[in-house]
Amino acid sequence: MEHGIPANFEVHFLHSDHPRHGFRVMSMDPFVFYEFITPVGFLSTHTIVTDASGANIVTYNWFGTSALGTITWPGPPAREAHMGELVMPFQSMPHSRSFLCEGPDQTMRLFWWHRLPGGNYDLYAAHEPDTCIGTYRKHQPPEALAVGKNYATFFYGFSHEPLLLHALLALCLNRWLDLQNGPQL
């Protein structure tokens, strides 16, 4: 991994390069599986994120078909928030959007995705100094794996599963917003 951070783990983005539909995030060690499906409706669109058992773990409720709406965690406890909470502007670093996530010690911490050229991103944790804790790298062309085409790999150096899920959810939104706004780097 870049920035001198050891990449202890990695997950692969399989089957599609679309930022909100038809892709699976998967790893075998440790086992990770999330699938993002977005059936487009006439007046509304929802992205449903399921785990390996098929259980709905998160739903993005888009306004219309593409504008940021709400995100719903079915729980327990169930909760709903604006999608913007996962892509808050991060003024101290251009091309970056931040989110908060609770750590294993129940302390809320700030993280942000920093967009790089070529559809790549780095994940940072706000520490002193700020630390890169993950890198999302696209594969062009996609890599052929036994489980399907691998469009990207997220290499990361932490083992907190809620942070992994929040980071992946925020990455989905970052990629969608950047796709809508076009490349600006």
N, C-alpha and C. Protein backbone atom coordinates (compact mmCIF):
# COMPACT_ATOMS: atom_id res chain seq x y z
N MET A 1 0.85 -1.18 0.00
CA MET A 1 0.00 0.00 0.00
C MET A 1 0.89 1.23 0.00
N GLU A 2 0.41 2.30 -0.59
CA GLU A 2 1.12 3.56 -0.62
C GLU A 2 1.11 4.19 0.76
N HIS A 3 1.92 5.21 0.92
CA HIS A 3 1.98 6.01 2.15
C HIS A 3 2.58 5.24 3.32
N GLY A 4 3.19 4.10 3.07
CA GLY A 4 3.83 3.36 4.14
C GLY A 4 2.89 2.64 5.07
N ILE A 5 1.59 2.55 4.76
CA ILE A 5 0.62 1.87 5.61
C ILE A 5 0.51 0.43 5.13
N PRO A 6 0.67 -0.55 6.03
CA PRO A 6 0.56 -1.94 5.57
C PRO A 6 -0.87 -2.28 5.16
N ALA A 7 -0.99 -2.94 4.03
CA ALA A 7 -2.32 -3.36 3.55
C ALA A 7 -2.56 -4.77 4.05
N ASN A 8 -3.16 -4.87 5.23
CA ASN A 8 -3.43 -6.17 5.83
C ASN A 8 -4.59 -6.89 5.16
N PHE A 9 -5.50 -6.11 4.54
CA PHE A 9 -6.72 -6.69 3.99
C PHE A 9 -7.01 -6.08 2.63
N GLU A 10 -7.84 -6.78 1.86
CA GLU A 10 -8.30 -6.24 0.59
C GLU A 10 -9.67 -6.82 0.26
N VAL A 11 -10.49 -6.01 -0.42
CA VAL A 11 -11.76 -6.47 -0.95
C VAL A 11 -11.78 -6.11 -2.43
N HIS A 12 -12.51 -6.92 -3.20
CA HIS A 12 -12.58 -6.76 -4.64
C HIS A 12 -13.97 -6.29 -5.05
N PHE A 13 -14.03 -5.44 -6.06
CA PHE A 13 -15.28 -4.93 -6.62
C PHE A 13 -15.55 -5.70 -7.91
N LEU A 14 -16.51 -6.62 -7.84
CA LEU A 14 -16.72 -7.60 -8.90
C LEU A 14 -17.99 -7.33 -9.71
N HIS A 15 -17.97 -7.80 -10.94
CA HIS A 15 -19.12 -7.90 -11.85
C HIS A 15 -19.54 -6.61 -12.54
N SER A 16 -19.24 -5.44 -12.00
CA SER A 16 -19.66 -4.19 -12.63
C SER A 16 -18.80 -3.05 -12.11
N ASP A 17 -18.59 -2.06 -12.97
CA ASP A 17 -17.86 -0.86 -12.56
C ASP A 17 -18.81 0.29 -12.21
N HIS A 18 -20.11 0.03 -12.27
CA HIS A 18 -21.09 1.07 -11.95
C HIS A 18 -21.02 1.37 -10.45
N PRO A 19 -21.04 2.66 -10.06
CA PRO A 19 -20.87 2.98 -8.64
C PRO A 19 -22.04 2.64 -7.73
N ARG A 20 -23.21 2.29 -8.31
CA ARG A 20 -24.32 2.00 -7.40
C ARG A 20 -25.18 0.81 -7.83
N HIS A 21 -24.81 0.10 -8.88
CA HIS A 21 -25.65 -1.02 -9.30
C HIS A 21 -24.84 -2.19 -9.86
N GLY A 22 -25.25 -3.37 -9.43
CA GLY A 22 -24.76 -4.60 -10.04
C GLY A 22 -23.36 -5.02 -9.65
N PHE A 23 -22.83 -4.46 -8.58
CA PHE A 23 -21.50 -4.90 -8.19
C PHE A 23 -21.53 -5.56 -6.83
N ARG A 24 -20.53 -6.39 -6.62
CA ARG A 24 -20.34 -7.08 -5.35
C ARG A 24 -18.99 -6.71 -4.79
N VAL A 25 -18.95 -6.51 -3.49
CA VAL A 25 -17.70 -6.30 -2.78
C VAL A 25 -17.43 -7.59 -2.04
N MET A 26 -16.26 -8.18 -2.30
CA MET A 26 -16.04 -9.52 -1.77
C MET A 26 -14.58 -9.74 -1.38
N SER A 27 -14.41 -10.53 -0.33
CA SER A 27 -13.10 -10.99 0.12
C SER A 27 -13.31 -12.32 0.85
N MET A 28 -12.31 -13.16 0.79
CA MET A 28 -12.42 -14.45 1.48
C MET A 28 -11.74 -14.44 2.85
N ASP A 29 -10.73 -13.60 3.06
CA ASP A 29 -10.00 -13.63 4.32
C ASP A 29 -9.66 -12.22 4.77
N PRO A 30 -10.44 -11.62 5.67
CA PRO A 30 -11.63 -12.19 6.30
C PRO A 30 -12.79 -12.16 5.30
N PHE A 31 -13.81 -12.99 5.56
CA PHE A 31 -14.93 -13.05 4.64
C PHE A 31 -15.72 -11.76 4.69
N VAL A 32 -15.89 -11.16 3.52
CA VAL A 32 -16.68 -9.93 3.35
C VAL A 32 -17.50 -10.12 2.09
N PHE A 33 -18.79 -9.79 2.16
CA PHE A 33 -19.64 -9.84 0.97
C PHE A 33 -20.76 -8.82 1.10
N TYR A 34 -20.80 -7.89 0.17
CA TYR A 34 -21.89 -6.94 0.05
C TYR A 34 -22.27 -6.84 -1.42
N GLU A 35 -23.57 -6.78 -1.69
CA GLU A 35 -24.03 -6.60 -3.06
C GLU A 35 -24.87 -5.33 -3.13
N PHE A 36 -24.64 -4.52 -4.16
CA PHE A 36 -25.34 -3.26 -4.38
C PHE A 36 -26.23 -3.41 -5.62
N ILE A 37 -27.55 -3.29 -5.43
CA ILE A 37 -28.51 -3.43 -6.51
C ILE A 37 -29.39 -2.17 -6.54
N THR A 38 -29.56 -1.59 -7.72
CA THR A 38 -30.36 -0.36 -7.85
C THR A 38 -31.39 -0.52 -8.95
N PRO A 39 -32.57 -1.04 -8.62
CA PRO A 39 -33.63 -1.04 -9.62
C PRO A 39 -34.17 0.39 -9.76
N VAL A 40 -34.22 0.88 -10.99
CA VAL A 40 -34.68 2.25 -11.23
C VAL A 40 -36.19 2.24 -11.39
N GLY A 41 -36.86 3.01 -10.55
CA GLY A 41 -38.31 3.12 -10.61
C GLY A 41 -38.74 4.34 -11.41
N PHE A 42 -40.04 4.47 -11.61
CA PHE A 42 -40.57 5.60 -12.38
C PHE A 42 -40.37 6.92 -11.64
N LEU A 43 -40.72 6.97 -10.37
CA LEU A 43 -40.61 8.20 -9.60
C LEU A 43 -39.54 8.16 -8.52
N SER A 44 -39.06 6.97 -8.21
CA SER A 44 -38.04 6.88 -7.16
C SER A 44 -37.09 5.73 -7.46
N THR A 45 -35.93 5.82 -6.89
CA THR A 45 -34.91 4.81 -7.07
C THR A 45 -34.31 4.48 -5.72
N HIS A 46 -34.05 3.20 -5.49
CA HIS A 46 -33.46 2.75 -4.24
C HIS A 46 -32.26 1.87 -4.56
N THR A 47 -31.18 2.03 -3.82
CA THR A 47 -30.06 1.11 -3.89
C THR A 47 -30.14 0.26 -2.64
N ILE A 48 -30.22 -1.04 -2.84
CA ILE A 48 -30.33 -1.97 -1.73
C ILE A 48 -28.99 -2.67 -1.57
N VAL A 49 -28.44 -2.60 -0.38
CA VAL A 49 -27.17 -3.25 -0.07
C VAL A 49 -27.48 -4.46 0.80
N THR A 50 -27.08 -5.65 0.32
CA THR A 50 -27.33 -6.88 1.06
C THR A 50 -26.01 -7.52 1.46
N ASP A 51 -26.09 -8.40 2.46
CA ASP A 51 -24.91 -9.16 2.87
C ASP A 51 -24.97 -10.55 2.23
N ALA A 52 -24.08 -11.43 2.63
CA ALA A 52 -23.98 -12.77 2.03
C ALA A 52 -25.25 -13.60 2.22
N SER A 53 -26.00 -13.34 3.29
CA SER A 53 -27.23 -14.10 3.54
C SER A 53 -28.41 -13.54 2.74
N GLY A 54 -28.21 -12.40 2.07
CA GLY A 54 -29.28 -11.75 1.33
C GLY A 54 -30.05 -10.75 2.16
N ALA A 55 -29.65 -10.58 3.42
CA ALA A 55 -30.34 -9.62 4.30
C ALA A 55 -30.02 -8.19 3.88
N ASN A 56 -31.04 -7.35 3.90
CA ASN A 56 -30.87 -5.93 3.59
C ASN A 56 -30.17 -5.28 4.77
N ILE A 57 -28.98 -4.71 4.53
CA ILE A 57 -28.28 -4.05 5.62
C ILE A 57 -28.36 -2.53 5.52
N VAL A 58 -28.57 -2.02 4.30
CA VAL A 58 -28.69 -0.58 4.09
C VAL A 58 -29.51 -0.34 2.83
N THR A 59 -30.30 0.73 2.83
CA THR A 59 -31.00 1.15 1.62
C THR A 59 -30.73 2.63 1.40
N TYR A 60 -30.26 2.96 0.19
CA TYR A 60 -30.16 4.35 -0.24
C TYR A 60 -31.50 4.70 -0.89
N ASN A 61 -32.15 5.76 -0.43
CA ASN A 61 -33.41 6.23 -1.00
C ASN A 61 -33.11 7.51 -1.77
N TRP A 62 -32.92 7.39 -3.08
CA TRP A 62 -32.54 8.52 -3.92
C TRP A 62 -33.76 9.41 -4.17
N PHE A 63 -33.56 10.72 -4.22
CA PHE A 63 -34.61 11.64 -4.64
C PHE A 63 -34.67 11.57 -6.15
N GLY A 64 -35.87 11.32 -6.68
CA GLY A 64 -35.97 11.10 -8.12
C GLY A 64 -35.21 9.83 -8.46
N THR A 65 -34.34 9.93 -9.42
CA THR A 65 -33.55 8.75 -9.79
C THR A 65 -32.08 8.90 -9.48
N SER A 66 -31.61 10.13 -9.14
CA SER A 66 -30.17 10.28 -8.99
C SER A 66 -29.69 11.25 -7.92
N ALA A 67 -30.56 12.06 -7.35
CA ALA A 67 -30.12 13.04 -6.35
C ALA A 67 -30.02 12.40 -4.97
N LEU A 68 -29.09 12.92 -4.16
CA LEU A 68 -28.91 12.39 -2.82
C LEU A 68 -30.20 12.51 -2.01
N GLY A 69 -30.55 11.42 -1.36
CA GLY A 69 -31.73 11.39 -0.51
C GLY A 69 -31.34 10.91 0.87
N THR A 70 -32.01 9.86 1.35
CA THR A 70 -31.73 9.34 2.68
C THR A 70 -31.11 7.96 2.57
N ILE A 71 -30.48 7.57 3.65
CA ILE A 71 -29.94 6.22 3.78
C ILE A 71 -30.58 5.62 5.02
N THR A 72 -31.05 4.38 4.90
CA THR A 72 -31.77 3.72 5.98
C THR A 72 -31.03 2.46 6.39
N TRP A 73 -30.74 2.36 7.68
CA TRP A 73 -30.21 1.14 8.27
C TRP A 73 -31.37 0.46 8.97
N PRO A 74 -31.75 -0.77 8.56
CA PRO A 74 -32.92 -1.40 9.17
C PRO A 74 -32.74 -1.76 10.64
N GLY A 75 -31.50 -1.79 11.11
CA GLY A 75 -31.28 -2.00 12.54
C GLY A 75 -31.19 -3.45 12.94
N PRO A 76 -31.31 -3.79 14.20
CA PRO A 76 -31.67 -2.85 15.26
C PRO A 76 -30.46 -2.04 15.72
N PRO A 77 -30.63 -0.83 16.16
CA PRO A 77 -31.85 -0.06 16.02
C PRO A 77 -31.93 0.53 14.62
N ALA A 78 -33.13 0.62 14.08
CA ALA A 78 -33.32 1.23 12.77
C ALA A 78 -33.02 2.72 12.86
N ARG A 79 -32.41 3.23 11.81
CA ARG A 79 -32.17 4.67 11.78
C ARG A 79 -32.10 5.15 10.34
N GLU A 80 -32.32 6.45 10.18
CA GLU A 80 -32.29 7.05 8.86
C GLU A 80 -31.49 8.35 8.94
N ALA A 81 -30.72 8.62 7.89
CA ALA A 81 -29.92 9.84 7.84
C ALA A 81 -29.88 10.33 6.39
N HIS A 82 -29.47 11.56 6.21
CA HIS A 82 -29.29 12.07 4.85
C HIS A 82 -27.99 11.50 4.28
N MET A 83 -28.02 11.13 3.00
CA MET A 83 -26.82 10.59 2.35
C MET A 83 -25.64 11.56 2.46
N GLY A 84 -25.95 12.85 2.55
CA GLY A 84 -24.90 13.85 2.65
C GLY A 84 -23.98 13.66 3.84
N GLU A 85 -24.46 12.94 4.87
CA GLU A 85 -23.61 12.68 6.03
C GLU A 85 -22.43 11.78 5.69
N LEU A 86 -22.52 11.05 4.58
CA LEU A 86 -21.41 10.18 4.15
C LEU A 86 -20.49 10.85 3.14
N VAL A 87 -20.87 12.06 2.69
CA VAL A 87 -20.06 12.78 1.70
C VAL A 87 -20.01 14.27 2.03
N MET A 88 -19.71 14.58 3.29
CA MET A 88 -19.62 15.98 3.71
C MET A 88 -18.40 16.64 3.09
N PRO A 89 -18.53 17.88 2.61
CA PRO A 89 -17.35 18.56 2.05
C PRO A 89 -16.22 18.60 3.07
N PHE A 90 -15.03 18.37 2.60
CA PHE A 90 -13.85 18.39 3.47
C PHE A 90 -12.92 19.47 2.94
N GLN A 91 -13.02 20.65 3.53
CA GLN A 91 -12.37 21.84 2.98
C GLN A 91 -10.85 21.82 3.05
N SER A 92 -10.27 21.09 4.00
CA SER A 92 -8.82 21.18 4.16
C SER A 92 -8.05 20.34 3.14
N MET A 93 -8.75 19.54 2.33
CA MET A 93 -8.08 18.81 1.26
C MET A 93 -8.97 18.82 0.02
N PRO A 94 -8.52 19.46 -1.07
CA PRO A 94 -9.34 19.50 -2.28
C PRO A 94 -9.68 18.09 -2.77
N HIS A 95 -10.81 17.96 -3.45
CA HIS A 95 -11.28 16.70 -4.04
C HIS A 95 -11.52 15.64 -2.97
N SER A 96 -12.01 16.07 -1.80
CA SER A 96 -12.23 15.13 -0.69
C SER A 96 -13.61 15.34 -0.08
N ARG A 97 -14.18 14.23 0.41
CA ARG A 97 -15.45 14.26 1.13
C ARG A 97 -15.33 13.38 2.36
N SER A 98 -15.93 13.82 3.47
CA SER A 98 -15.71 13.14 4.75
C SER A 98 -16.98 12.48 5.28
N PHE A 99 -16.78 11.63 6.27
CA PHE A 99 -17.87 10.99 7.01
C PHE A 99 -17.37 10.68 8.41
N LEU A 100 -18.33 10.49 9.32
CA LEU A 100 -18.01 10.11 10.69
C LEU A 100 -18.34 8.65 10.89
N CYS A 101 -17.55 7.99 11.71
CA CYS A 101 -17.82 6.59 12.06
C CYS A 101 -17.37 6.36 13.49
N GLU A 102 -18.17 5.59 14.21
CA GLU A 102 -17.83 5.26 15.59
C GLU A 102 -16.79 4.15 15.61
N GLY A 103 -15.79 4.33 16.44
CA GLY A 103 -14.74 3.34 16.57
C GLY A 103 -15.09 2.27 17.59
N PRO A 104 -14.22 1.28 17.75
CA PRO A 104 -14.47 0.22 18.72
C PRO A 104 -14.59 0.74 20.15
N ASP A 105 -14.04 1.93 20.41
CA ASP A 105 -14.12 2.54 21.74
C ASP A 105 -15.33 3.47 21.88
N GLN A 106 -16.28 3.41 20.92
CA GLN A 106 -17.49 4.23 20.90
C GLN A 106 -17.21 5.72 20.75
N THR A 107 -16.05 6.07 20.22
CA THR A 107 -15.70 7.46 19.94
C THR A 107 -15.91 7.73 18.45
N MET A 108 -16.64 8.81 18.13
CA MET A 108 -16.84 9.20 16.74
C MET A 108 -15.54 9.78 16.20
N ARG A 109 -15.18 9.32 14.99
CA ARG A 109 -13.95 9.79 14.36
C ARG A 109 -14.26 10.23 12.93
N LEU A 110 -13.44 11.14 12.44
CA LEU A 110 -13.59 11.68 11.09
C LEU A 110 -12.69 10.92 10.11
N PHE A 111 -13.28 10.56 8.97
CA PHE A 111 -12.56 9.90 7.88
C PHE A 111 -12.92 10.61 6.59
N TRP A 112 -12.08 10.52 5.58
CA TRP A 112 -12.45 11.10 4.30
C TRP A 112 -11.81 10.34 3.15
N TRP A 113 -12.57 10.37 2.03
CA TRP A 113 -12.09 9.83 0.76
C TRP A 113 -11.52 10.99 -0.04
N HIS A 114 -10.31 10.80 -0.55
CA HIS A 114 -9.65 11.79 -1.40
C HIS A 114 -9.59 11.24 -2.81
N ARG A 115 -10.21 11.97 -3.75
CA ARG A 115 -10.25 11.52 -5.15
C ARG A 115 -8.93 11.79 -5.84
N LEU A 116 -8.49 10.79 -6.61
CA LEU A 116 -7.26 10.86 -7.39
C LEU A 116 -7.60 10.70 -8.87
N PRO A 117 -6.67 10.99 -9.76
CA PRO A 117 -6.93 10.76 -11.19
C PRO A 117 -7.23 9.28 -11.47
N GLY A 118 -7.96 9.04 -12.56
CA GLY A 118 -8.22 7.68 -13.01
C GLY A 118 -9.29 6.94 -12.23
N GLY A 119 -10.11 7.66 -11.45
CA GLY A 119 -11.15 7.00 -10.67
C GLY A 119 -10.64 6.30 -9.43
N ASN A 120 -9.45 6.64 -8.97
CA ASN A 120 -8.87 6.05 -7.76
C ASN A 120 -9.13 6.98 -6.57
N TYR A 121 -9.07 6.39 -5.36
CA TYR A 121 -9.34 7.14 -4.13
C TYR A 121 -8.42 6.64 -3.03
N ASP A 122 -8.10 7.55 -2.10
CA ASP A 122 -7.40 7.18 -0.87
C ASP A 122 -8.34 7.48 0.30
N LEU A 123 -8.31 6.61 1.32
CA LEU A 123 -9.10 6.80 2.53
C LEU A 123 -8.18 7.26 3.65
N TYR A 124 -8.57 8.36 4.29
CA TYR A 124 -7.77 8.93 5.37
C TYR A 124 -8.54 8.92 6.69
N ALA A 125 -7.78 8.81 7.77
CA ALA A 125 -8.30 8.96 9.12
C ALA A 125 -7.71 10.24 9.70
N ALA A 126 -8.55 11.02 10.38
CA ALA A 126 -8.09 12.26 10.99
C ALA A 126 -7.37 11.92 12.29
N HIS A 127 -6.09 11.92 12.21
CA HIS A 127 -5.22 11.72 13.38
C HIS A 127 -4.20 12.83 13.35
N GLU A 128 -3.30 12.82 14.24
CA GLU A 128 -2.19 13.77 14.20
C GLU A 128 -0.91 12.98 13.96
N PRO A 129 -0.35 12.95 12.77
CA PRO A 129 -0.85 13.59 11.55
C PRO A 129 -1.94 12.73 10.89
N ASP A 130 -2.63 13.31 9.90
CA ASP A 130 -3.63 12.57 9.14
C ASP A 130 -2.96 11.38 8.48
N THR A 131 -3.68 10.25 8.45
CA THR A 131 -3.07 8.99 8.02
C THR A 131 -3.90 8.33 6.95
N CYS A 132 -3.25 7.90 5.88
CA CYS A 132 -3.92 7.12 4.84
C CYS A 132 -4.08 5.69 5.37
N ILE A 133 -5.33 5.21 5.42
CA ILE A 133 -5.59 3.87 5.95
C ILE A 133 -6.13 2.91 4.90
N GLY A 134 -6.30 3.41 3.66
CA GLY A 134 -6.80 2.55 2.61
C GLY A 134 -6.65 3.19 1.24
N THR A 135 -6.57 2.33 0.22
CA THR A 135 -6.49 2.81 -1.16
C THR A 135 -7.44 2.00 -2.03
N TYR A 136 -8.25 2.70 -2.83
CA TYR A 136 -9.15 2.08 -3.80
C TYR A 136 -8.50 2.28 -5.17
N ARG A 137 -8.21 1.16 -5.85
CA ARG A 137 -7.54 1.24 -7.14
C ARG A 137 -8.34 0.48 -8.20
N LYS A 138 -8.65 1.21 -9.29
CA LYS A 138 -9.36 0.61 -10.41
C LYS A 138 -8.40 -0.24 -11.23
N HIS A 139 -8.94 -1.27 -11.86
CA HIS A 139 -8.15 -2.13 -12.75
C HIS A 139 -8.64 -1.88 -14.17
N GLN A 140 -7.76 -1.42 -15.03
CA GLN A 140 -8.12 -1.18 -16.42
C GLN A 140 -7.11 -1.86 -17.31
N PRO A 141 -7.47 -2.97 -17.95
CA PRO A 141 -8.78 -3.61 -17.97
C PRO A 141 -9.03 -4.37 -16.67
N PRO A 142 -10.28 -4.81 -16.46
CA PRO A 142 -10.59 -5.57 -15.24
C PRO A 142 -9.75 -6.84 -15.16
N GLU A 143 -9.41 -7.22 -13.93
CA GLU A 143 -8.68 -8.47 -13.70
C GLU A 143 -9.66 -9.64 -13.77
N ALA A 144 -9.20 -10.74 -14.33
CA ALA A 144 -10.03 -11.95 -14.35
C ALA A 144 -9.72 -12.76 -13.10
N LEU A 145 -10.73 -12.94 -12.24
CA LEU A 145 -10.60 -13.77 -11.05
C LEU A 145 -11.54 -14.96 -11.20
N ALA A 146 -11.35 -15.98 -10.39
CA ALA A 146 -12.20 -17.17 -10.46
C ALA A 146 -13.67 -16.83 -10.17
N VAL A 147 -13.93 -15.76 -9.40
CA VAL A 147 -15.29 -15.39 -9.03
C VAL A 147 -15.89 -14.34 -9.95
N GLY A 148 -15.15 -13.90 -10.96
CA GLY A 148 -15.66 -12.91 -11.91
C GLY A 148 -14.66 -11.82 -12.19
N LYS A 149 -15.09 -10.85 -12.99
CA LYS A 149 -14.22 -9.72 -13.33
C LYS A 149 -14.07 -8.80 -12.13
N ASN A 150 -12.82 -8.44 -11.83
CA ASN A 150 -12.49 -7.56 -10.72
C ASN A 150 -12.19 -6.18 -11.29
N TYR A 151 -13.11 -5.24 -11.04
CA TYR A 151 -12.97 -3.89 -11.58
C TYR A 151 -12.12 -2.98 -10.71
N ALA A 152 -11.98 -3.31 -9.43
CA ALA A 152 -11.18 -2.48 -8.52
C ALA A 152 -10.88 -3.29 -7.27
N THR A 153 -9.86 -2.84 -6.54
CA THR A 153 -9.51 -3.45 -5.25
C THR A 153 -9.33 -2.34 -4.23
N PHE A 154 -9.90 -2.56 -3.05
CA PHE A 154 -9.70 -1.66 -1.92
C PHE A 154 -8.76 -2.36 -0.96
N PHE A 155 -7.57 -1.79 -0.79
CA PHE A 155 -6.57 -2.29 0.13
C PHE A 155 -6.68 -1.46 1.40
N TYR A 156 -6.75 -2.11 2.57
CA TYR A 156 -6.92 -1.34 3.80
C TYR A 156 -6.16 -1.97 4.96
N GLY A 157 -5.86 -1.14 5.94
CA GLY A 157 -5.05 -1.56 7.07
C GLY A 157 -5.75 -1.47 8.41
N PHE A 158 -7.04 -1.79 8.47
CA PHE A 158 -7.79 -1.76 9.74
C PHE A 158 -8.73 -2.96 9.77
N SER A 159 -9.18 -3.33 10.97
CA SER A 159 -10.03 -4.52 11.10
C SER A 159 -11.39 -4.23 11.74
N HIS A 160 -11.81 -2.97 11.75
CA HIS A 160 -13.08 -2.58 12.35
C HIS A 160 -14.17 -2.68 11.28
N GLU A 161 -15.03 -3.71 11.37
CA GLU A 161 -16.02 -3.97 10.33
C GLU A 161 -17.00 -2.82 10.11
N PRO A 162 -17.51 -2.14 11.15
CA PRO A 162 -18.38 -0.99 10.90
C PRO A 162 -17.70 0.12 10.08
N LEU A 163 -16.39 0.33 10.30
CA LEU A 163 -15.67 1.31 9.51
C LEU A 163 -15.57 0.85 8.06
N LEU A 164 -15.32 -0.43 7.84
CA LEU A 164 -15.26 -0.94 6.47
C LEU A 164 -16.59 -0.68 5.76
N LEU A 165 -17.71 -1.00 6.41
CA LEU A 165 -19.01 -0.79 5.79
C LEU A 165 -19.24 0.70 5.52
N HIS A 166 -19.00 1.58 6.50
CA HIS A 166 -19.19 3.01 6.28
C HIS A 166 -18.29 3.52 5.16
N ALA A 167 -17.05 3.06 5.12
CA ALA A 167 -16.12 3.49 4.07
C ALA A 167 -16.63 3.06 2.70
N LEU A 168 -17.15 1.83 2.59
CA LEU A 168 -17.67 1.35 1.30
C LEU A 168 -18.93 2.11 0.90
N LEU A 169 -19.80 2.40 1.86
CA LEU A 169 -21.01 3.17 1.57
C LEU A 169 -20.66 4.59 1.10
N ALA A 170 -19.71 5.21 1.78
CA ALA A 170 -19.27 6.55 1.40
C ALA A 170 -18.57 6.53 0.04
N LEU A 171 -17.79 5.49 -0.23
CA LEU A 171 -17.12 5.37 -1.52
C LEU A 171 -18.13 5.27 -2.65
N CYS A 172 -19.18 4.49 -2.46
CA CYS A 172 -20.25 4.37 -3.45
C CYS A 172 -20.80 5.75 -3.80
N LEU A 173 -21.09 6.55 -2.79
CA LEU A 173 -21.64 7.89 -3.02
C LEU A 173 -20.62 8.81 -3.66
N ASN A 174 -19.36 8.76 -3.22
CA ASN A 174 -18.31 9.57 -3.84
C ASN A 174 -18.18 9.25 -5.32
N ARG A 175 -18.14 7.98 -5.65
CA ARG A 175 -18.01 7.58 -7.05
C ARG A 175 -19.22 8.04 -7.86
N TRP A 176 -20.44 7.92 -7.30
CA TRP A 176 -21.65 8.35 -7.99
C TRP A 176 -21.62 9.86 -8.24
N LEU A 177 -21.30 10.64 -7.21
CA LEU A 177 -21.24 12.09 -7.37
C LEU A 177 -20.18 12.50 -8.39
N ASP A 178 -19.02 11.86 -8.34
CA ASP A 178 -17.96 12.19 -9.29
C ASP A 178 -18.34 11.78 -10.71
N LEU A 179 -19.08 10.69 -10.86
CA LEU A 179 -19.56 10.28 -12.18
C LEU A 179 -20.55 11.32 -12.72
N GLN A 180 -21.44 11.82 -11.86
CA GLN A 180 -22.43 12.81 -12.27
C GLN A 180 -21.79 14.16 -12.63
N ASN A 181 -20.74 14.52 -11.90
CA ASN A 181 -20.08 15.81 -12.11
C ASN A 181 -18.98 15.76 -13.15
N GLY A 182 -18.58 14.55 -13.55
CA GLY A 182 -17.53 14.41 -14.56
C GLY A 182 -16.15 14.55 -13.96
N PRO A 183 -15.13 14.06 -14.66
CA PRO A 183 -13.76 14.17 -14.14
C PRO A 183 -13.31 15.62 -14.09
N GLN A 184 -12.71 16.00 -12.98
CA GLN A 184 -12.25 17.37 -12.82
C GLN A 184 -10.81 17.44 -12.37
N LEU A 185 -10.10 16.33 -12.46
CA LEU A 185 -8.69 16.34 -12.06
C LEU A 185 -7.81 16.39 -13.28
